[in-house]
Amino acid sequence: MAFETHRREGAVEPLQVIAAPRRLRILELVWDRELAAGDIAAQFEVSWSAVSQHLSVLKAAGFVIERRAGRSRFYRADQAALGSLRAVVEAHWRAGLHRLKDLAEAEQADKDHK
């Protein structure tokens, strides 16, 4: 499926948005639940500022929805807005789960042979 090739100045192509591993991980974290910005940032070994920038890009692309409650900000994925990218994101996660399963099975097989 082709994406729109002309965008307003300053807009980022959808695949560029999810090409960053940290943004893809953020989407995974908020895929099925809403999380506070601080809870998201706690999952990364980078500055709060770096995570905030990733959240800003995701929000500008329409991939996450922000909800403010007092001084707190909460984020969740807007799965409908991801449209055709949803399949790309979910395929990425499935591949990661398959790799994890293969590693766990190999480790178990190694333990069984010792």
C-alpha atoms as a PDB file:
ATOM      1  CA  MET A   1       0.000   0.000   0.000  1.00  0.00           C
ATOM      2  CA  ALA A   2       1.421   3.371  -0.977  1.00  0.00           C
ATOM      3  CA  PHE A   3       1.529   6.282   1.408  1.00  0.00           C
ATOM      4  CA  GLU A   4       0.744   9.826   0.450  1.00  0.00           C
ATOM      5  CA  THR A   5       3.898  11.280  -1.109  1.00  0.00           C
ATOM      6  CA  HIS A   6       3.092  14.953  -0.703  1.00  0.00           C
ATOM      7  CA  ARG A   7       2.810  16.224   2.831  1.00  0.00           C
ATOM      8  CA  ARG A   8       2.684  19.618   4.364  1.00  0.00           C
ATOM      9  CA  GLU A   9       6.074  21.109   5.110  1.00  0.00           C
ATOM     10  CA  GLY A  10       7.573  19.760   8.335  1.00  0.00           C
ATOM     11  CA  ALA A  11       5.459  16.602   8.376  1.00  0.00           C
ATOM     12  CA  VAL A  12       7.188  13.264   8.815  1.00  0.00           C
ATOM     13  CA  GLU A  13       6.433  10.216   6.717  1.00  0.00           C
ATOM     14  CA  PRO A  14       4.658   7.502   8.739  1.00  0.00           C
ATOM     15  CA  LEU A  15       7.386   4.908   8.191  1.00  0.00           C
ATOM     16  CA  GLN A  16      10.014   7.395   9.371  1.00  0.00           C
ATOM     17  CA  VAL A  17       8.032   7.852  12.573  1.00  0.00           C
ATOM     18  CA  ILE A  18       8.041   4.164  13.435  1.00  0.00           C
ATOM     19  CA  ALA A  19      11.535   3.525  12.054  1.00  0.00           C
ATOM     20  CA  ALA A  20      13.062   4.729  15.336  1.00  0.00           C
ATOM     21  CA  PRO A  21      13.322   1.727  17.686  1.00  0.00           C
ATOM     22  CA  ARG A  22      12.432   3.804  20.748  1.00  0.00           C
ATOM     23  CA  ARG A  23       9.265   5.144  19.123  1.00  0.00           C
ATOM     24  CA  LEU A  24       8.289   1.631  18.125  1.00  0.00           C
ATOM     25  CA  ARG A  25       8.871   0.519  21.734  1.00  0.00           C
ATOM     26  CA  ILE A  26       6.761   3.419  23.022  1.00  0.00           C
ATOM     27  CA  LEU A  27       3.931   2.334  20.722  1.00  0.00           C
ATOM     28  CA  GLU A  28       4.269  -1.179  22.089  1.00  0.00           C
ATOM     29  CA  LEU A  29       4.057   0.114  25.672  1.00  0.00           C
ATOM     30  CA  VAL A  30       0.887   2.116  25.042  1.00  0.00           C
ATOM     31  CA  TRP A  31      -0.715  -0.197  22.493  1.00  0.00           C
ATOM     32  CA  ASP A  32      -3.391  -1.641  24.781  1.00  0.00           C
ATOM     33  CA  ARG A  33      -3.226   0.704  27.742  1.00  0.00           C
ATOM     34  CA  GLU A  34      -2.738   4.270  28.774  1.00  0.00           C
ATOM     35  CA  LEU A  35       0.535   5.131  30.537  1.00  0.00           C
ATOM     36  CA  ALA A  36       1.820   8.231  32.252  1.00  0.00           C
ATOM     37  CA  ALA A  37       4.728   9.942  30.531  1.00  0.00           C
ATOM     38  CA  GLY A  38       6.964   9.176  33.507  1.00  0.00           C
ATOM     39  CA  ASP A  39       6.113   5.464  33.341  1.00  0.00           C
ATOM     40  CA  ILE A  40       7.035   5.448  29.663  1.00  0.00           C
ATOM     41  CA  ALA A  41      10.306   7.299  30.302  1.00  0.00           C
ATOM     42  CA  ALA A  42      11.209   4.828  33.073  1.00  0.00           C
ATOM     43  CA  GLN A  43      11.425   2.073  30.432  1.00  0.00           C
ATOM     44  CA  PHE A  44      14.390   3.735  28.696  1.00  0.00           C
ATOM     45  CA  GLU A  45      17.968   4.493  29.647  1.00  0.00           C
ATOM     46  CA  VAL A  46      17.908   7.914  28.000  1.00  0.00           C
ATOM     47  CA  SER A  47      17.000  11.363  29.263  1.00  0.00           C
ATOM     48  CA  TRP A  48      13.418  12.409  29.871  1.00  0.00           C
ATOM     49  CA  SER A  49      13.973  15.018  27.155  1.00  0.00           C
ATOM     50  CA  ALA A  50      14.774  12.326  24.587  1.00  0.00           C
ATOM     51  CA  VAL A  51      11.634  10.360  25.472  1.00  0.00           C
ATOM     52  CA  SER A  52       9.600  13.566  25.396  1.00  0.00           C
ATOM     53  CA  GLN A  53      10.830  14.265  21.864  1.00  0.00           C
ATOM     54  CA  HIS A  54       9.803  10.777  20.742  1.00  0.00           C
ATOM     55  CA  LEU A  55       6.373  11.257  22.297  1.00  0.00           C
ATOM     56  CA  SER A  56       6.052  14.600  20.505  1.00  0.00           C
ATOM     57  CA  VAL A  57       6.841  13.000  17.142  1.00  0.00           C
ATOM     58  CA  LEU A  58       4.332  10.206  17.772  1.00  0.00           C
ATOM     59  CA  LYS A  59       1.692  12.709  18.838  1.00  0.00           C
ATOM     60  CA  ALA A  60       2.338  14.995  15.830  1.00  0.00           C
ATOM     61  CA  ALA A  61       1.976  11.978  13.527  1.00  0.00           C
ATOM     62  CA  GLY A  62      -1.326  11.146  15.215  1.00  0.00           C
ATOM     63  CA  PHE A  63      -0.097   7.769  16.439  1.00  0.00           C
ATOM     64  CA  VAL A  64      -0.625   8.495  20.132  1.00  0.00           C
ATOM     65  CA  ILE A  65      -3.295  10.393  21.984  1.00  0.00           C
ATOM     66  CA  GLU A  66      -2.320  12.560  24.915  1.00  0.00           C
ATOM     67  CA  ARG A  67      -4.597  13.137  27.887  1.00  0.00           C
ATOM     68  CA  ARG A  68      -3.764  15.699  30.535  1.00  0.00           C
ATOM     69  CA  ALA A  69      -4.851  15.327  34.137  1.00  0.00           C
ATOM     70  CA  GLY A  70      -3.546  18.164  36.273  1.00  0.00           C
ATOM     71  CA  ARG A  71       0.182  18.295  35.685  1.00  0.00           C
ATOM     72  CA  SER A  72       0.351  14.709  34.411  1.00  0.00           C
ATOM     73  CA  ARG A  73       0.249  13.569  30.808  1.00  0.00           C
ATOM     74  CA  PHE A  74      -0.988  10.166  29.780  1.00  0.00           C
ATOM     75  CA  TYR A  75      -0.498   8.512  26.406  1.00  0.00           C
ATOM     76  CA  ARG A  76      -2.102   5.671  24.506  1.00  0.00           C
ATOM     77  CA  ALA A  77      -1.788   4.450  20.941  1.00  0.00           C
ATOM     78  CA  ASP A  78      -4.427   5.527  18.471  1.00  0.00           C
ATOM     79  CA  GLN A  79      -4.678   2.206  16.669  1.00  0.00           C
ATOM     80  CA  ALA A  80      -7.231   3.519  14.192  1.00  0.00           C
ATOM     81  CA  ALA A  81      -4.910   6.368  13.167  1.00  0.00           C
ATOM     82  CA  LEU A  82      -2.120   3.908  12.493  1.00  0.00           C
ATOM     83  CA  GLY A  83      -4.248   2.475   9.697  1.00  0.00           C
ATOM     84  CA  SER A  84      -2.161   0.354   7.368  1.00  0.00           C
ATOM     85  CA  LEU A  85       0.891   0.845   9.569  1.00  0.00           C
ATOM     86  CA  ARG A  86      -0.824  -1.240  12.227  1.00  0.00           C
ATOM     87  CA  ALA A  87       0.054  -4.389  10.294  1.00  0.00           C
ATOM     88  CA  VAL A  88       3.707  -3.286  10.085  1.00  0.00           C
ATOM     89  CA  VAL A  89       3.869  -2.620  13.825  1.00  0.00           C
ATOM     90  CA  GLU A  90       2.175  -5.882  14.754  1.00  0.00           C
ATOM     91  CA  ALA A  91       4.423  -7.861  12.362  1.00  0.00           C
ATOM     92  CA  HIS A  92       7.456  -6.313  14.049  1.00  0.00           C
ATOM     93  CA  TRP A  93       6.214  -7.457  17.461  1.00  0.00           C
ATOM     94  CA  ARG A  94       5.348 -10.943  16.214  1.00  0.00           C
ATOM     95  CA  ALA A  95       8.845 -11.298  14.745  1.00  0.00           C
ATOM     96  CA  GLY A  96      10.350 -10.202  18.048  1.00  0.00           C
ATOM     97  CA  LEU A  97       8.243 -12.713  19.942  1.00  0.00           C
ATOM     98  CA  HIS A  98       9.279 -15.475  17.546  1.00  0.00           C
ATOM     99  CA  ARG A  99      12.961 -14.567  18.065  1.00  0.00           C
ATOM    100  CA  LEU A 100      12.465 -14.603  21.831  1.00  0.00           C
ATOM    101  CA  LYS A 101      10.718 -17.984  21.637  1.00  0.00           C
ATOM    102  CA  ASP A 102      13.547 -19.408  19.504  1.00  0.00           C
ATOM    103  CA  LEU A 103      16.172 -18.124  21.962  1.00  0.00           C
ATOM    104  CA  ALA A 104      14.311 -19.570  24.944  1.00  0.00           C
ATOM    105  CA  GLU A 105      13.923 -22.943  23.227  1.00  0.00           C
ATOM    106  CA  ALA A 106      17.613 -22.998  22.264  1.00  0.00           C
ATOM    107  CA  GLU A 107      18.625 -22.172  25.831  1.00  0.00           C
ATOM    108  CA  GLN A 108      16.358 -24.901  27.201  1.00  0.00           C
ATOM    109  CA  ALA A 109      17.734 -27.420  24.685  1.00  0.00           C
ATOM    110  CA  ASP A 110      21.274 -26.460  25.732  1.00  0.00           C
ATOM    111  CA  LYS A 111      20.379 -27.008  29.415  1.00  0.00           C
ATOM    112  CA  ASP A 112      18.761 -30.362  28.598  1.00  0.00           C
ATOM    113  CA  HIS A 113      21.944 -31.570  26.866  1.00  0.00           C
ATOM    114  CA  LYS A 114      24.213 -30.736  29.815  1.00  0.00           C
END
